[in-house]
Amino acid sequence: MTTGTSLRLSEKLDDSGSHISEDHFITKLAEVEKHHILKILKKTNWRIDGSKGAAILLGLHPNTLRGRMEKLA
């Protein structure tokens, strides 16, 4: 929290006492994106565009979604 021009984190946000390795929580952004796209595609029965398509749910243009799918394949 900050009240001035510098940023200070609250002590509650400090997890330096944690015994879990930070590497345990690191996931590449591409993997997170791929997992999320697959989840939405399954939910929409693999429909990409249209009013009930994955692109609408993801807030993307259908061609953008197709491009990301190709990139993540």
N, C-alpha and C. Protein backbone atom coordinates (compact mmCIF):
# COMPACT_ATOMS: atom_id res chain seq x y z
N MET A 1 0.84 -1.18 0.00
CA MET A 1 0.00 0.00 0.00
C MET A 1 0.88 1.24 0.00
N THR A 2 0.41 2.28 -0.61
CA THR A 2 1.20 3.50 -0.65
C THR A 2 0.31 4.72 -0.44
N THR A 3 0.88 5.70 0.21
CA THR A 3 0.15 6.96 0.39
C THR A 3 0.89 8.10 -0.28
N GLY A 4 2.05 7.79 -0.87
CA GLY A 4 2.85 8.83 -1.51
C GLY A 4 3.25 8.43 -2.91
N THR A 5 4.44 8.85 -3.28
CA THR A 5 4.92 8.58 -4.64
C THR A 5 5.73 7.29 -4.74
N SER A 6 6.02 6.66 -3.62
CA SER A 6 6.76 5.39 -3.66
C SER A 6 5.84 4.24 -3.27
N LEU A 7 6.14 3.09 -3.78
CA LEU A 7 5.33 1.91 -3.54
C LEU A 7 5.94 1.08 -2.42
N ARG A 8 5.12 0.75 -1.43
CA ARG A 8 5.54 -0.12 -0.33
C ARG A 8 4.53 -1.25 -0.21
N LEU A 9 5.02 -2.47 -0.19
CA LEU A 9 4.13 -3.61 -0.06
C LEU A 9 3.78 -3.84 1.39
N SER A 10 2.57 -4.26 1.61
CA SER A 10 2.13 -4.58 2.95
C SER A 10 2.86 -5.82 3.44
N GLU A 11 3.08 -5.92 4.73
CA GLU A 11 3.73 -7.10 5.29
C GLU A 11 2.93 -8.35 4.99
N LYS A 12 1.64 -8.24 4.83
CA LYS A 12 0.80 -9.40 4.54
C LYS A 12 1.12 -10.01 3.18
N LEU A 13 1.70 -9.22 2.27
CA LEU A 13 2.04 -9.73 0.96
C LEU A 13 3.40 -10.40 0.93
N ASP A 14 4.18 -10.24 1.99
CA ASP A 14 5.51 -10.81 2.05
C ASP A 14 5.42 -12.30 2.34
N ASP A 15 5.88 -13.12 1.39
CA ASP A 15 5.84 -14.57 1.59
C ASP A 15 7.24 -15.15 1.71
N SER A 16 8.18 -14.34 2.17
CA SER A 16 9.57 -14.79 2.27
C SER A 16 9.74 -15.94 3.25
N GLY A 17 8.81 -16.15 4.12
CA GLY A 17 8.86 -17.25 5.06
C GLY A 17 8.30 -18.54 4.51
N SER A 18 7.82 -18.52 3.30
CA SER A 18 7.24 -19.70 2.68
C SER A 18 8.30 -20.75 2.45
N HIS A 19 7.94 -22.02 2.66
CA HIS A 19 8.87 -23.13 2.48
C HIS A 19 8.72 -23.79 1.11
N ILE A 20 7.82 -23.30 0.27
CA ILE A 20 7.59 -23.88 -1.04
C ILE A 20 8.48 -23.16 -2.04
N SER A 21 9.15 -23.90 -2.86
CA SER A 21 10.02 -23.32 -3.88
C SER A 21 9.22 -22.48 -4.86
N GLU A 22 9.78 -21.34 -5.25
CA GLU A 22 9.10 -20.48 -6.22
C GLU A 22 8.95 -21.19 -7.55
N ASP A 23 9.89 -22.05 -7.92
CA ASP A 23 9.84 -22.76 -9.20
C ASP A 23 8.59 -23.62 -9.31
N HIS A 24 8.04 -24.03 -8.19
CA HIS A 24 6.84 -24.86 -8.19
C HIS A 24 5.66 -24.13 -8.83
N PHE A 25 5.63 -22.82 -8.73
CA PHE A 25 4.50 -22.04 -9.21
C PHE A 25 4.73 -21.41 -10.59
N ILE A 26 5.92 -21.55 -11.13
CA ILE A 26 6.23 -20.89 -12.40
C ILE A 26 5.68 -21.72 -13.56
N THR A 27 4.84 -21.09 -14.35
CA THR A 27 4.31 -21.69 -15.56
C THR A 27 4.48 -20.67 -16.67
N LYS A 28 4.91 -21.14 -17.82
CA LYS A 28 5.07 -20.22 -18.94
C LYS A 28 3.72 -19.67 -19.35
N LEU A 29 3.71 -18.40 -19.72
CA LEU A 29 2.47 -17.74 -20.12
C LEU A 29 1.82 -18.48 -21.28
N ALA A 30 2.61 -18.97 -22.21
CA ALA A 30 2.06 -19.71 -23.36
C ALA A 30 1.30 -20.95 -22.90
N GLU A 31 1.80 -21.62 -21.87
CA GLU A 31 1.11 -22.81 -21.35
C GLU A 31 -0.21 -22.45 -20.70
N VAL A 32 -0.22 -21.35 -19.97
CA VAL A 32 -1.46 -20.89 -19.33
C VAL A 32 -2.48 -20.52 -20.40
N GLU A 33 -2.02 -19.80 -21.44
CA GLU A 33 -2.90 -19.40 -22.53
C GLU A 33 -3.44 -20.62 -23.26
N LYS A 34 -2.58 -21.59 -23.55
CA LYS A 34 -3.00 -22.81 -24.24
C LYS A 34 -4.06 -23.57 -23.44
N HIS A 35 -3.82 -23.72 -22.16
CA HIS A 35 -4.76 -24.42 -21.29
C HIS A 35 -6.11 -23.72 -21.26
N HIS A 36 -6.08 -22.39 -21.18
CA HIS A 36 -7.33 -21.62 -21.12
C HIS A 36 -8.09 -21.71 -22.44
N ILE A 37 -7.39 -21.60 -23.56
CA ILE A 37 -8.04 -21.71 -24.86
C ILE A 37 -8.66 -23.09 -25.02
N LEU A 38 -7.94 -24.14 -24.65
CA LEU A 38 -8.48 -25.50 -24.75
C LEU A 38 -9.72 -25.67 -23.88
N LYS A 39 -9.68 -25.11 -22.69
CA LYS A 39 -10.83 -25.19 -21.78
C LYS A 39 -12.06 -24.55 -22.40
N ILE A 40 -11.89 -23.37 -22.99
CA ILE A 40 -13.01 -22.67 -23.61
C ILE A 40 -13.48 -23.40 -24.86
N LEU A 41 -12.56 -23.93 -25.66
CA LEU A 41 -12.95 -24.68 -26.85
C LEU A 41 -13.77 -25.92 -26.48
N LYS A 42 -13.37 -26.60 -25.44
CA LYS A 42 -14.15 -27.76 -25.00
C LYS A 42 -15.54 -27.33 -24.56
N LYS A 43 -15.61 -26.20 -23.86
CA LYS A 43 -16.90 -25.69 -23.37
C LYS A 43 -17.82 -25.34 -24.53
N THR A 44 -17.24 -24.89 -25.67
CA THR A 44 -18.05 -24.48 -26.82
C THR A 44 -18.14 -25.58 -27.88
N ASN A 45 -17.78 -26.80 -27.49
CA ASN A 45 -17.77 -27.93 -28.43
C ASN A 45 -16.91 -27.64 -29.65
N TRP A 46 -15.79 -26.99 -29.43
CA TRP A 46 -14.76 -26.71 -30.44
C TRP A 46 -15.23 -25.73 -31.50
N ARG A 47 -16.25 -24.97 -31.21
CA ARG A 47 -16.71 -23.93 -32.13
C ARG A 47 -15.88 -22.68 -31.88
N ILE A 48 -15.31 -22.13 -32.94
CA ILE A 48 -14.44 -20.96 -32.81
C ILE A 48 -15.21 -19.66 -32.93
N ASP A 49 -16.04 -19.54 -33.97
CA ASP A 49 -16.72 -18.26 -34.16
C ASP A 49 -18.23 -18.41 -34.08
N GLY A 50 -18.91 -17.30 -34.20
CA GLY A 50 -20.36 -17.28 -34.04
C GLY A 50 -20.72 -16.83 -32.63
N SER A 51 -22.01 -16.68 -32.41
CA SER A 51 -22.48 -16.15 -31.13
C SER A 51 -22.20 -17.07 -29.95
N LYS A 52 -22.00 -18.35 -30.22
CA LYS A 52 -21.70 -19.31 -29.15
C LYS A 52 -20.30 -19.88 -29.27
N GLY A 53 -19.42 -19.15 -29.96
CA GLY A 53 -18.07 -19.62 -30.18
C GLY A 53 -17.08 -19.18 -29.12
N ALA A 54 -15.95 -19.83 -29.14
CA ALA A 54 -14.89 -19.56 -28.17
C ALA A 54 -14.33 -18.15 -28.29
N ALA A 55 -14.26 -17.63 -29.52
CA ALA A 55 -13.69 -16.29 -29.71
C ALA A 55 -14.48 -15.24 -28.94
N ILE A 56 -15.80 -15.35 -28.96
CA ILE A 56 -16.64 -14.40 -28.21
C ILE A 56 -16.33 -14.48 -26.72
N LEU A 57 -16.26 -15.70 -26.19
CA LEU A 57 -16.01 -15.88 -24.75
C LEU A 57 -14.62 -15.37 -24.35
N LEU A 58 -13.68 -15.47 -25.28
CA LEU A 58 -12.31 -15.02 -24.99
C LEU A 58 -12.09 -13.55 -25.31
N GLY A 59 -13.08 -12.92 -25.94
CA GLY A 59 -12.95 -11.52 -26.28
C GLY A 59 -11.98 -11.29 -27.43
N LEU A 60 -11.90 -12.25 -28.34
CA LEU A 60 -10.99 -12.17 -29.47
C LEU A 60 -11.74 -12.23 -30.79
N HIS A 61 -11.13 -11.70 -31.83
CA HIS A 61 -11.64 -11.91 -33.18
C HIS A 61 -11.35 -13.37 -33.53
N PRO A 62 -12.25 -14.05 -34.23
CA PRO A 62 -12.03 -15.47 -34.56
C PRO A 62 -10.68 -15.73 -35.25
N ASN A 63 -10.26 -14.83 -36.14
CA ASN A 63 -8.97 -15.03 -36.80
C ASN A 63 -7.80 -14.89 -35.83
N THR A 64 -7.94 -14.04 -34.84
CA THR A 64 -6.91 -13.91 -33.81
C THR A 64 -6.81 -15.20 -33.01
N LEU A 65 -7.97 -15.75 -32.66
CA LEU A 65 -7.97 -17.02 -31.93
C LEU A 65 -7.33 -18.12 -32.76
N ARG A 66 -7.68 -18.20 -34.03
CA ARG A 66 -7.08 -19.22 -34.91
C ARG A 66 -5.56 -19.06 -34.96
N GLY A 67 -5.09 -17.82 -35.06
CA GLY A 67 -3.66 -17.56 -35.09
C GLY A 67 -2.96 -18.00 -33.82
N ARG A 68 -3.59 -17.72 -32.70
CA ARG A 68 -3.00 -18.13 -31.42
C ARG A 68 -2.99 -19.65 -31.27
N MET A 69 -4.05 -20.29 -31.78
CA MET A 69 -4.12 -21.75 -31.73
C MET A 69 -2.99 -22.36 -32.56
N GLU A 70 -2.73 -21.80 -33.74
CA GLU A 70 -1.64 -22.29 -34.60
C GLU A 70 -0.29 -22.09 -33.92
N LYS A 71 -0.12 -20.94 -33.30
CA LYS A 71 1.13 -20.62 -32.63
C LYS A 71 1.38 -21.57 -31.44
N LEU A 72 0.33 -21.92 -30.72
CA LEU A 72 0.46 -22.75 -29.52
C LEU A 72 0.47 -24.25 -29.80
N ALA A 73 0.19 -24.63 -31.04
CA ALA A 73 0.12 -26.07 -31.39
C ALA A 73 1.47 -26.73 -31.32
